[in-house]
């Protein structure tokens, strides 16, 4: 089975407050809203009943696979709130399409990529994201949406190509995985050696 369909790593919740005091833009994993940080304390400071928020969010996302990171906008009105749940984050969909793992490094920093996606992937992701409220209220065109997704790809070291041979690409991803495993092993050995030297000194 091609790694094009491999599930990427789930992302943790990230809270980003907008300048408008009554709006919070955040990323919450489906079915995983909780009263803990980082989101809990932010809502608690605003007087929002955190347990109620978590329950409502999880209820609204129960049909979505647990752990998928969702762009979410929270409208605040005193102690009341309204949840606007959008599609999965661009990063999640990009890594899903590429079959790449979040956190891996290019084989040669500044030169290689950790994965590849096609122009068709870009277009399909854009068709989903352009329906999000964040982009609809800004009247995004498909060209703008595709360009933004392409920029996200390059920032994440994901190359964009015309087409992919599944078997060839599967071997490419395997090489990336092997190189990453070697790097992590070398890193661990260096850390162990450093700890050993510190104990002897």
N, C-alpha and C. Protein backbone atom coordinates (compact mmCIF):
# COMPACT_ATOMS: atom_id res chain seq x y z
N UNK A 1 0.86 -1.21 0.00
CA UNK A 1 0.00 0.00 0.00
C UNK A 1 0.88 1.24 0.00
N UNK A 2 0.58 2.19 -0.87
CA UNK A 2 1.40 3.40 -0.96
C UNK A 2 1.33 4.22 0.30
N UNK A 3 2.43 4.89 0.63
CA UNK A 3 2.47 5.74 1.82
C UNK A 3 1.76 7.06 1.58
N UNK A 4 1.20 7.24 0.37
CA UNK A 4 0.44 8.45 0.11
C UNK A 4 -0.75 8.56 1.05
N UNK A 5 -1.21 7.39 1.54
CA UNK A 5 -2.38 7.40 2.42
C UNK A 5 -2.00 7.27 3.88
N UNK A 6 -0.69 7.32 4.17
CA UNK A 6 -0.26 7.13 5.55
C UNK A 6 -0.73 8.28 6.44
N UNK A 7 -1.18 7.95 7.61
CA UNK A 7 -1.69 8.97 8.53
C UNK A 7 -0.54 9.72 9.15
N UNK A 8 -0.60 11.06 9.13
CA UNK A 8 0.45 11.88 9.73
C UNK A 8 0.24 12.02 11.22
N UNK A 9 1.18 12.62 11.87
CA UNK A 9 1.11 12.83 13.31
C UNK A 9 0.02 13.83 13.67
N UNK A 10 -0.69 13.56 14.75
CA UNK A 10 -1.70 14.50 15.22
C UNK A 10 -1.02 15.72 15.82
N UNK A 11 -1.63 16.88 15.61
CA UNK A 11 -1.07 18.11 16.14
C UNK A 11 -1.73 18.46 17.45
N UNK A 12 -0.97 19.09 18.34
CA UNK A 12 -1.53 19.52 19.62
C UNK A 12 -2.30 20.81 19.43
N UNK A 13 -3.18 21.09 20.39
CA UNK A 13 -3.97 22.32 20.32
C UNK A 13 -3.04 23.53 20.36
N UNK A 14 -3.38 24.53 19.56
CA UNK A 14 -2.61 25.76 19.54
C UNK A 14 -3.59 26.92 19.66
N UNK A 15 -3.32 27.84 20.56
CA UNK A 15 -4.21 28.97 20.77
C UNK A 15 -3.58 30.23 20.19
N UNK A 16 -4.29 30.90 19.32
CA UNK A 16 -3.82 32.16 18.75
C UNK A 16 -4.94 33.18 18.90
N UNK A 17 -4.79 34.15 19.77
CA UNK A 17 -5.83 35.14 19.99
C UNK A 17 -5.73 36.26 18.95
N UNK A 18 -6.86 36.64 18.41
CA UNK A 18 -6.91 37.74 17.46
C UNK A 18 -6.91 39.07 18.20
N UNK A 19 -6.69 40.16 17.47
CA UNK A 19 -6.72 41.49 18.07
C UNK A 19 -8.13 41.82 18.57
N UNK A 20 -9.15 41.28 17.87
CA UNK A 20 -10.52 41.50 18.34
C UNK A 20 -10.72 40.73 19.63
N UNK A 21 -11.14 41.40 20.70
CA UNK A 21 -11.24 40.75 22.01
C UNK A 21 -12.31 39.68 22.11
N UNK A 22 -13.24 39.64 21.15
CA UNK A 22 -14.34 38.68 21.25
C UNK A 22 -14.17 37.48 20.32
N UNK A 23 -12.97 37.32 19.76
CA UNK A 23 -12.72 36.20 18.84
C UNK A 23 -11.41 35.51 19.21
N UNK A 24 -11.45 34.19 19.22
CA UNK A 24 -10.23 33.40 19.42
C UNK A 24 -10.12 32.41 18.26
N UNK A 25 -9.00 32.46 17.55
CA UNK A 25 -8.72 31.48 16.51
C UNK A 25 -7.77 30.43 17.09
N UNK A 26 -8.11 29.19 16.91
CA UNK A 26 -7.31 28.13 17.51
C UNK A 26 -7.36 26.87 16.66
N UNK A 27 -6.54 25.91 17.01
CA UNK A 27 -6.57 24.58 16.38
C UNK A 27 -6.85 23.58 17.49
N UNK A 28 -7.91 22.79 17.33
CA UNK A 28 -8.27 21.80 18.33
C UNK A 28 -8.42 20.43 17.67
N UNK A 29 -7.85 19.42 18.29
CA UNK A 29 -7.95 18.07 17.75
C UNK A 29 -9.37 17.54 17.96
N UNK A 30 -9.92 16.92 16.93
CA UNK A 30 -11.28 16.39 17.00
C UNK A 30 -11.45 15.44 18.18
N UNK A 31 -12.52 15.66 18.94
CA UNK A 31 -12.88 14.83 20.10
C UNK A 31 -11.90 14.94 21.27
N UNK A 32 -11.01 15.94 21.22
CA UNK A 32 -9.99 16.02 22.27
C UNK A 32 -9.97 17.36 23.00
N UNK A 33 -11.03 18.12 22.88
CA UNK A 33 -11.10 19.37 23.65
C UNK A 33 -11.17 19.00 25.12
N UNK A 34 -10.42 19.73 25.96
CA UNK A 34 -10.41 19.43 27.39
C UNK A 34 -10.32 20.72 28.18
N UNK A 35 -10.40 20.58 29.49
CA UNK A 35 -10.33 21.76 30.36
C UNK A 35 -8.89 22.18 30.64
N UNK A 36 -7.94 21.40 30.18
CA UNK A 36 -6.53 21.69 30.44
C UNK A 36 -5.94 22.68 29.47
N UNK A 37 -4.64 23.03 29.66
CA UNK A 37 -3.97 23.95 28.77
C UNK A 37 -3.73 23.31 27.41
N UNK A 38 -3.54 24.12 26.36
CA UNK A 38 -3.44 25.58 26.42
C UNK A 38 -4.79 26.32 26.33
N UNK A 39 -5.82 25.63 25.84
CA UNK A 39 -7.08 26.33 25.59
C UNK A 39 -7.85 26.63 26.87
N UNK A 40 -7.86 25.68 27.81
CA UNK A 40 -8.64 25.84 29.04
C UNK A 40 -8.38 27.14 29.78
N UNK A 41 -7.12 27.43 30.11
CA UNK A 41 -6.82 28.67 30.83
C UNK A 41 -7.24 29.94 30.07
N UNK A 42 -7.10 29.91 28.74
CA UNK A 42 -7.47 31.09 27.94
C UNK A 42 -8.96 31.35 28.04
N UNK A 43 -9.76 30.29 27.92
CA UNK A 43 -11.21 30.45 28.03
C UNK A 43 -11.61 30.78 29.46
N UNK A 44 -10.92 30.17 30.43
CA UNK A 44 -11.22 30.43 31.83
C UNK A 44 -11.03 31.88 32.21
N UNK A 45 -10.00 32.51 31.65
CA UNK A 45 -9.73 33.93 31.92
C UNK A 45 -10.86 34.80 31.39
N UNK A 46 -11.56 34.31 30.37
CA UNK A 46 -12.67 35.07 29.79
C UNK A 46 -13.99 34.74 30.47
N UNK A 47 -13.98 33.86 31.47
CA UNK A 47 -15.20 33.50 32.16
C UNK A 47 -16.04 32.48 31.44
N UNK A 48 -15.47 31.83 30.44
CA UNK A 48 -16.21 30.82 29.68
C UNK A 48 -16.22 29.50 30.45
N UNK A 49 -17.36 28.84 30.58
CA UNK A 49 -17.42 27.54 31.25
C UNK A 49 -16.66 26.50 30.40
N UNK A 50 -15.46 26.16 30.84
CA UNK A 50 -14.56 25.33 30.03
C UNK A 50 -15.13 23.94 29.78
N UNK A 51 -15.67 23.33 30.83
CA UNK A 51 -16.20 21.97 30.68
C UNK A 51 -17.33 21.94 29.64
N UNK A 52 -18.18 22.96 29.66
CA UNK A 52 -19.28 23.03 28.70
C UNK A 52 -18.75 23.19 27.28
N UNK A 53 -17.71 24.05 27.13
CA UNK A 53 -17.11 24.25 25.81
C UNK A 53 -16.55 22.93 25.29
N UNK A 54 -15.76 22.24 26.13
CA UNK A 54 -15.13 20.99 25.71
C UNK A 54 -16.18 19.97 25.30
N UNK A 55 -17.26 19.88 26.08
CA UNK A 55 -18.33 18.94 25.78
C UNK A 55 -18.99 19.25 24.44
N UNK A 56 -19.27 20.53 24.20
CA UNK A 56 -19.93 20.91 22.95
C UNK A 56 -19.03 20.67 21.74
N UNK A 57 -17.74 21.02 21.90
CA UNK A 57 -16.81 20.81 20.78
C UNK A 57 -16.70 19.33 20.45
N UNK A 58 -16.52 18.52 21.47
CA UNK A 58 -16.36 17.08 21.24
C UNK A 58 -17.63 16.47 20.65
N UNK A 59 -18.79 16.99 21.04
CA UNK A 59 -20.05 16.52 20.48
C UNK A 59 -20.15 16.87 19.00
N UNK A 60 -19.72 18.09 18.66
CA UNK A 60 -19.79 18.54 17.27
C UNK A 60 -18.78 17.84 16.37
N UNK A 61 -17.74 17.27 16.95
CA UNK A 61 -16.70 16.62 16.13
C UNK A 61 -16.70 15.10 16.29
N UNK A 62 -17.73 14.54 16.90
CA UNK A 62 -17.74 13.10 17.16
C UNK A 62 -17.76 12.27 15.87
N UNK A 63 -18.20 12.88 14.76
CA UNK A 63 -18.23 12.16 13.48
C UNK A 63 -16.90 12.21 12.75
N UNK A 64 -15.93 12.95 13.32
CA UNK A 64 -14.61 13.11 12.70
C UNK A 64 -13.61 12.22 13.42
N UNK A 65 -12.66 11.69 12.70
CA UNK A 65 -11.66 10.81 13.30
C UNK A 65 -10.92 11.53 14.42
N UNK A 66 -10.86 10.90 15.58
CA UNK A 66 -10.23 11.50 16.75
C UNK A 66 -8.77 11.88 16.47
N UNK A 67 -8.43 13.10 16.88
CA UNK A 67 -7.05 13.57 16.74
C UNK A 67 -6.78 14.46 15.54
N UNK A 68 -7.70 14.49 14.59
CA UNK A 68 -7.47 15.34 13.41
C UNK A 68 -7.56 16.81 13.84
N UNK A 69 -6.52 17.61 13.54
CA UNK A 69 -6.51 19.02 13.96
C UNK A 69 -7.44 19.87 13.11
N UNK A 70 -8.33 20.59 13.76
CA UNK A 70 -9.34 21.38 13.06
C UNK A 70 -9.17 22.87 13.35
N UNK A 71 -9.14 23.66 12.29
CA UNK A 71 -9.15 25.12 12.47
C UNK A 71 -10.47 25.51 13.10
N UNK A 72 -10.41 26.26 14.19
CA UNK A 72 -11.62 26.59 14.94
C UNK A 72 -11.62 28.07 15.33
N UNK A 73 -12.76 28.71 15.16
CA UNK A 73 -12.93 30.10 15.59
C UNK A 73 -14.00 30.12 16.69
N UNK A 74 -13.68 30.79 17.80
CA UNK A 74 -14.59 30.87 18.94
C UNK A 74 -15.04 32.32 19.10
N UNK A 75 -16.34 32.54 19.02
CA UNK A 75 -16.91 33.87 19.23
C UNK A 75 -17.36 33.98 20.68
N UNK A 76 -16.94 35.03 21.36
CA UNK A 76 -17.25 35.21 22.77
C UNK A 76 -18.24 36.36 22.97
N UNK A 77 -19.20 36.15 23.87
CA UNK A 77 -20.17 37.18 24.22
C UNK A 77 -20.46 37.03 25.71
N UNK A 78 -19.69 37.75 26.53
CA UNK A 78 -19.81 37.57 27.97
C UNK A 78 -19.36 36.16 28.32
N UNK A 79 -20.23 35.40 28.98
CA UNK A 79 -19.91 34.01 29.31
C UNK A 79 -20.48 33.03 28.30
N UNK A 80 -21.04 33.58 27.23
CA UNK A 80 -21.57 32.74 26.16
C UNK A 80 -20.54 32.61 25.04
N UNK A 81 -20.66 31.56 24.26
CA UNK A 81 -19.72 31.34 23.17
C UNK A 81 -20.41 30.65 22.00
N UNK A 82 -19.81 30.81 20.84
CA UNK A 82 -20.26 30.12 19.64
C UNK A 82 -19.03 29.51 18.98
N UNK A 83 -19.13 28.24 18.61
CA UNK A 83 -18.00 27.53 18.01
C UNK A 83 -18.20 27.41 16.50
N UNK A 84 -17.21 27.86 15.74
CA UNK A 84 -17.24 27.70 14.29
C UNK A 84 -16.08 26.78 13.91
N UNK A 85 -16.40 25.55 13.56
CA UNK A 85 -15.38 24.55 13.25
C UNK A 85 -15.19 24.47 11.74
N UNK A 86 -13.95 24.64 11.30
CA UNK A 86 -13.65 24.58 9.88
C UNK A 86 -13.02 23.23 9.53
N UNK A 87 -12.40 23.17 8.38
CA UNK A 87 -11.78 21.92 7.92
C UNK A 87 -10.45 21.67 8.63
N UNK A 88 -9.85 20.51 8.45
CA UNK A 88 -8.52 20.25 9.02
C UNK A 88 -7.52 21.30 8.56
N UNK A 89 -6.48 21.49 9.32
CA UNK A 89 -5.47 22.50 9.00
C UNK A 89 -4.78 22.20 7.67
N UNK A 90 -4.24 23.24 7.04
CA UNK A 90 -3.50 23.06 5.79
C UNK A 90 -2.35 22.09 6.00
N UNK A 91 -1.62 22.29 7.10
CA UNK A 91 -0.47 21.43 7.35
C UNK A 91 -0.83 19.97 7.44
N UNK A 92 -1.93 19.68 8.13
CA UNK A 92 -2.37 18.29 8.26
C UNK A 92 -2.66 17.68 6.90
N UNK A 93 -3.42 18.40 6.08
CA UNK A 93 -3.79 17.87 4.76
C UNK A 93 -2.59 17.73 3.84
N UNK A 94 -1.66 18.66 3.95
CA UNK A 94 -0.44 18.58 3.13
C UNK A 94 0.37 17.34 3.49
N UNK A 95 0.57 17.11 4.78
CA UNK A 95 1.35 15.95 5.20
C UNK A 95 0.61 14.65 4.92
N UNK A 96 -0.72 14.67 4.99
CA UNK A 96 -1.50 13.50 4.61
C UNK A 96 -1.27 13.16 3.14
N UNK A 97 -1.38 14.18 2.29
CA UNK A 97 -1.22 13.97 0.86
C UNK A 97 0.19 13.51 0.51
N UNK A 98 1.17 14.04 1.22
CA UNK A 98 2.57 13.70 0.94
C UNK A 98 2.99 12.38 1.57
N UNK A 99 2.21 11.89 2.54
CA UNK A 99 2.61 10.68 3.24
C UNK A 99 3.83 10.89 4.09
N UNK A 100 4.13 12.16 4.41
CA UNK A 100 5.32 12.50 5.19
C UNK A 100 4.99 12.60 6.67
N UNK A 101 6.04 12.56 7.48
CA UNK A 101 5.86 12.64 8.93
C UNK A 101 6.26 14.01 9.43
N UNK A 102 5.40 14.59 10.24
CA UNK A 102 5.68 15.88 10.85
C UNK A 102 6.92 15.76 11.72
N UNK A 103 7.86 16.70 11.55
CA UNK A 103 9.04 16.70 12.40
C UNK A 103 10.27 16.12 11.74
N UNK A 104 10.10 15.43 10.59
CA UNK A 104 11.27 14.90 9.90
C UNK A 104 12.06 16.03 9.27
N UNK A 105 13.35 15.75 9.02
CA UNK A 105 14.23 16.75 8.43
C UNK A 105 14.54 16.38 6.99
N UNK A 106 14.83 17.37 6.13
CA UNK A 106 15.28 17.06 4.77
C UNK A 106 16.57 16.26 4.84
N UNK A 107 16.81 15.41 3.83
CA UNK A 107 18.05 14.62 3.82
C UNK A 107 19.27 15.53 3.82
N UNK A 108 19.20 16.61 3.06
CA UNK A 108 20.26 17.62 3.07
C UNK A 108 19.58 18.96 3.30
N UNK A 109 19.79 19.55 4.48
CA UNK A 109 19.12 20.80 4.81
C UNK A 109 19.33 21.84 3.73
N UNK A 110 18.24 22.48 3.31
CA UNK A 110 18.32 23.53 2.31
C UNK A 110 18.31 23.01 0.89
N UNK A 111 18.36 21.68 0.71
CA UNK A 111 18.42 21.13 -0.64
C UNK A 111 17.27 20.16 -0.93
N UNK A 112 17.09 19.20 -0.05
CA UNK A 112 16.11 18.16 -0.29
C UNK A 112 14.79 18.42 0.44
N UNK A 113 13.83 17.53 0.17
CA UNK A 113 12.51 17.64 0.77
C UNK A 113 12.20 16.35 1.53
N UNK A 114 11.24 16.42 2.45
CA UNK A 114 10.85 15.23 3.19
C UNK A 114 9.65 14.55 2.55
N UNK A 115 9.10 15.16 1.51
CA UNK A 115 7.97 14.57 0.82
C UNK A 115 7.60 15.38 -0.41
N UNK A 116 6.66 14.85 -1.18
CA UNK A 116 6.24 15.52 -2.40
C UNK A 116 4.72 15.40 -2.56
N UNK A 117 4.12 16.42 -3.16
CA UNK A 117 2.72 16.33 -3.54
C UNK A 117 2.57 16.91 -4.95
N UNK A 118 1.48 16.59 -5.58
CA UNK A 118 1.27 17.03 -6.96
C UNK A 118 0.43 18.30 -7.02
N UNK A 119 0.39 18.88 -8.20
CA UNK A 119 -0.46 20.07 -8.42
C UNK A 119 -1.93 19.72 -8.14
N UNK A 120 -2.31 18.49 -8.46
CA UNK A 120 -3.68 18.07 -8.20
C UNK A 120 -3.98 18.06 -6.70
N UNK A 121 -3.01 17.61 -5.91
CA UNK A 121 -3.18 17.63 -4.45
C UNK A 121 -3.42 19.07 -3.97
N UNK A 122 -2.61 19.99 -4.49
CA UNK A 122 -2.73 21.40 -4.10
C UNK A 122 -4.15 21.89 -4.39
N UNK A 123 -4.64 21.58 -5.58
CA UNK A 123 -5.96 22.03 -5.99
C UNK A 123 -7.06 21.43 -5.11
N UNK A 124 -6.93 20.13 -4.80
CA UNK A 124 -7.94 19.46 -3.99
C UNK A 124 -7.97 20.01 -2.56
N UNK A 125 -6.80 20.29 -2.00
CA UNK A 125 -6.73 20.89 -0.66
C UNK A 125 -7.34 22.29 -0.69
N UNK A 126 -7.03 23.04 -1.75
CA UNK A 126 -7.54 24.41 -1.89
C UNK A 126 -9.07 24.40 -1.96
N UNK A 127 -9.65 23.42 -2.65
CA UNK A 127 -11.11 23.34 -2.76
C UNK A 127 -11.77 23.18 -1.39
N UNK A 128 -11.08 22.49 -0.48
CA UNK A 128 -11.61 22.29 0.87
C UNK A 128 -11.42 23.55 1.71
N UNK A 129 -10.19 24.08 1.73
CA UNK A 129 -9.87 25.19 2.62
C UNK A 129 -10.58 26.48 2.24
N UNK A 130 -10.84 26.69 0.96
CA UNK A 130 -11.44 27.95 0.53
C UNK A 130 -12.87 28.10 1.05
N UNK A 131 -13.45 27.01 1.52
CA UNK A 131 -14.80 27.07 2.09
C UNK A 131 -14.80 27.49 3.56
N UNK A 132 -13.61 27.54 4.18
CA UNK A 132 -13.53 27.96 5.58
C UNK A 132 -13.91 29.43 5.71
N UNK A 133 -14.53 29.76 6.83
CA UNK A 133 -14.97 31.14 7.06
C UNK A 133 -13.82 32.14 6.94
N UNK A 134 -12.65 31.76 7.44
CA UNK A 134 -11.49 32.66 7.41
C UNK A 134 -11.21 33.15 6.00
N UNK A 135 -11.40 32.28 5.02
CA UNK A 135 -11.10 32.64 3.63
C UNK A 135 -12.31 33.20 2.89
N UNK A 136 -13.50 32.73 3.24
CA UNK A 136 -14.70 33.23 2.54
C UNK A 136 -14.93 34.71 2.83
N UNK A 137 -14.69 35.14 4.09
CA UNK A 137 -14.92 36.54 4.43
C UNK A 137 -13.86 37.44 3.81
N UNK A 138 -12.78 36.85 3.34
CA UNK A 138 -11.71 37.61 2.69
C UNK A 138 -11.78 37.48 1.18
N UNK A 139 -12.83 36.83 0.70
CA UNK A 139 -13.06 36.68 -0.76
C UNK A 139 -11.84 36.08 -1.47
N UNK A 140 -11.25 35.06 -0.90
CA UNK A 140 -10.11 34.39 -1.53
C UNK A 140 -10.51 33.78 -2.86
N UNK A 141 -9.64 33.90 -3.85
CA UNK A 141 -9.84 33.20 -5.12
C UNK A 141 -9.12 31.85 -5.03
N UNK A 142 -9.42 30.94 -5.95
CA UNK A 142 -8.74 29.65 -5.96
C UNK A 142 -7.24 29.83 -6.19
N UNK A 143 -6.88 30.82 -7.00
CA UNK A 143 -5.46 31.06 -7.25
C UNK A 143 -4.75 31.47 -5.96
N UNK A 144 -5.35 32.37 -5.21
CA UNK A 144 -4.77 32.80 -3.94
C UNK A 144 -4.66 31.63 -2.97
N UNK A 145 -5.70 30.80 -2.93
CA UNK A 145 -5.71 29.67 -2.02
C UNK A 145 -4.62 28.67 -2.39
N UNK A 146 -4.49 28.40 -3.67
CA UNK A 146 -3.46 27.46 -4.13
C UNK A 146 -2.06 28.00 -3.83
N UNK A 147 -1.87 29.30 -4.02
CA UNK A 147 -0.57 29.90 -3.76
C UNK A 147 -0.22 29.82 -2.27
N UNK A 148 -1.21 30.04 -1.42
CA UNK A 148 -0.96 29.97 0.02
C UNK A 148 -0.61 28.54 0.44
N UNK A 149 -1.28 27.57 -0.13
CA UNK A 149 -0.98 26.17 0.19
C UNK A 149 0.41 25.80 -0.32
N UNK A 150 0.76 26.30 -1.50
CA UNK A 150 2.09 26.03 -2.04
C UNK A 150 3.17 26.60 -1.13
N UNK A 151 2.95 27.80 -0.62
CA UNK A 151 3.90 28.41 0.31
C UNK A 151 4.05 27.56 1.58
N UNK A 152 2.93 27.03 2.07
CA UNK A 152 2.97 26.17 3.25
C UNK A 152 3.77 24.91 2.96
N UNK A 153 3.65 24.39 1.75
CA UNK A 153 4.40 23.19 1.37
C UNK A 153 5.90 23.45 1.45
N UNK A 154 6.35 24.51 0.85
CA UNK A 154 7.78 24.79 0.82
C UNK A 154 8.34 25.10 2.21
N UNK A 155 7.52 25.77 3.04
CA UNK A 155 7.97 26.02 4.41
C UNK A 155 8.11 24.72 5.19
N UNK A 156 7.35 23.72 4.80
CA UNK A 156 7.38 22.42 5.48
C UNK A 156 8.31 21.43 4.77
N UNK A 157 9.07 21.91 3.77
CA UNK A 157 10.00 21.05 3.01
C UNK A 157 9.26 19.97 2.24
N UNK A 158 8.10 20.32 1.70
CA UNK A 158 7.33 19.42 0.83
C UNK A 158 7.42 19.97 -0.59
N UNK A 159 7.94 19.16 -1.50
CA UNK A 159 8.10 19.60 -2.89
C UNK A 159 6.78 19.45 -3.64
N UNK A 160 6.61 20.25 -4.68
CA UNK A 160 5.41 20.19 -5.51
C UNK A 160 5.83 19.76 -6.91
N UNK A 161 5.25 18.68 -7.40
CA UNK A 161 5.62 18.12 -8.70
C UNK A 161 4.39 17.92 -9.57
N UNK A 162 4.63 17.66 -10.85
CA UNK A 162 3.53 17.47 -11.79
C UNK A 162 2.80 16.16 -11.54
N UNK A 163 3.56 15.09 -11.34
CA UNK A 163 2.95 13.79 -11.08
C UNK A 163 3.92 12.92 -10.29
N UNK A 164 3.39 11.83 -9.70
CA UNK A 164 4.19 10.93 -8.88
C UNK A 164 3.94 9.48 -9.29
N UNK A 165 5.04 8.71 -9.34
CA UNK A 165 4.93 7.27 -9.51
C UNK A 165 4.84 6.67 -8.10
N UNK A 166 3.72 6.04 -7.72
CA UNK A 166 3.54 5.55 -6.35
C UNK A 166 4.67 4.66 -5.85
N UNK A 167 5.16 3.75 -6.69
CA UNK A 167 6.21 2.83 -6.25
C UNK A 167 7.54 3.57 -6.03
N UNK A 168 7.87 4.44 -6.96
CA UNK A 168 9.11 5.22 -6.83
C UNK A 168 9.03 6.13 -5.61
N UNK A 169 7.88 6.75 -5.42
CA UNK A 169 7.72 7.66 -4.28
C UNK A 169 7.74 6.91 -2.96
N UNK A 170 7.21 5.70 -2.96
CA UNK A 170 7.21 4.89 -1.75
C UNK A 170 8.66 4.61 -1.32
N UNK A 171 9.52 4.33 -2.29
CA UNK A 171 10.94 4.09 -1.98
C UNK A 171 11.60 5.37 -1.49
N UNK A 172 11.20 6.49 -2.05
CA UNK A 172 11.74 7.80 -1.63
C UNK A 172 11.40 8.06 -0.16
N UNK A 173 10.14 7.82 0.21
CA UNK A 173 9.73 8.04 1.60
C UNK A 173 10.45 7.09 2.55
N UNK A 174 10.70 5.86 2.08
CA UNK A 174 11.42 4.90 2.91
C UNK A 174 12.84 5.38 3.17
N UNK A 175 13.47 5.97 2.15
CA UNK A 175 14.81 6.51 2.31
C UNK A 175 14.81 7.66 3.32
N UNK A 176 13.80 8.52 3.23
CA UNK A 176 13.69 9.63 4.18
C UNK A 176 13.55 9.09 5.60
N UNK A 177 12.71 8.07 5.77
CA UNK A 177 12.51 7.47 7.09
C UNK A 177 13.81 6.88 7.64
N UNK A 178 14.54 6.20 6.78
CA UNK A 178 15.79 5.57 7.20
C UNK A 178 16.82 6.61 7.62
N UNK A 179 16.92 7.68 6.84
CA UNK A 179 17.86 8.75 7.17
C UNK A 179 17.48 9.44 8.48
N UNK A 180 16.18 9.62 8.69
CA UNK A 180 15.72 10.24 9.92
C UNK A 180 16.03 9.34 11.12
N UNK A 181 15.85 8.03 10.95
CA UNK A 181 16.15 7.08 12.03
C UNK A 181 17.64 7.11 12.37
N UNK A 182 18.49 7.20 11.34
CA UNK A 182 19.93 7.28 11.56
C UNK A 182 20.29 8.56 12.31
N UNK A 183 19.67 9.65 11.90
CA UNK A 183 19.94 10.93 12.57
C UNK A 183 19.54 10.88 14.04
N UNK A 184 18.36 10.32 14.33
CA UNK A 184 17.89 10.26 15.71
C UNK A 184 18.79 9.35 16.55
N UNK A 185 19.29 8.26 15.95
CA UNK A 185 20.19 7.35 16.65
C UNK A 185 21.52 8.04 16.98
N UNK A 186 22.05 8.77 16.00
CA UNK A 186 23.30 9.51 16.22
C UNK A 186 23.11 10.58 17.30
N UNK A 187 21.97 11.24 17.25
CA UNK A 187 21.67 12.28 18.24
C UNK A 187 21.60 11.69 19.64
N UNK A 188 20.95 10.54 19.76
CA UNK A 188 20.83 9.87 21.05
C UNK A 188 22.20 9.45 21.58
N UNK A 189 23.05 8.91 20.71
CA UNK A 189 24.38 8.49 21.12
C UNK A 189 25.21 9.66 21.62
N UNK A 190 25.10 10.79 20.93
CA UNK A 190 25.85 11.98 21.34
C UNK A 190 25.37 12.47 22.71
N UNK A 191 24.06 12.42 22.93
CA UNK A 191 23.51 12.84 24.21
C UNK A 191 23.98 11.93 25.34
N UNK A 192 24.02 10.62 25.06
CA UNK A 192 24.48 9.67 26.07
C UNK A 192 25.96 9.87 26.39
N UNK A 193 26.75 10.14 25.35
CA UNK A 193 28.19 10.39 25.55
C UNK A 193 28.41 11.65 26.36
N UNK A 194 27.60 12.67 26.08
CA UNK A 194 27.72 13.93 26.81
C UNK A 194 27.38 13.73 28.29
N UNK A 195 26.31 12.97 28.57
CA UNK A 195 25.92 12.70 29.95
C UNK A 195 27.00 11.91 30.67
N UNK A 196 27.63 10.99 29.94
CA UNK A 196 28.68 10.17 30.53
C UNK A 196 29.88 11.04 30.90
N UNK A 197 30.24 11.96 30.02
CA UNK A 197 31.37 12.86 30.29
C UNK A 197 31.08 13.77 31.48
N UNK A 198 29.82 14.22 31.57
CA UNK A 198 29.44 15.11 32.67
C UNK A 198 29.52 14.39 34.02
N UNK A 199 29.21 13.10 34.02
CA UNK A 199 29.28 12.32 35.26
C UNK A 199 30.74 12.10 35.69
N UNK A 200 31.61 11.94 34.68
CA UNK A 200 33.03 11.70 34.98
C UNK A 200 33.76 12.96 35.41
N UNK A 201 33.27 14.11 34.99
CA UNK A 201 33.95 15.37 35.33
C UNK A 201 33.64 15.83 36.74
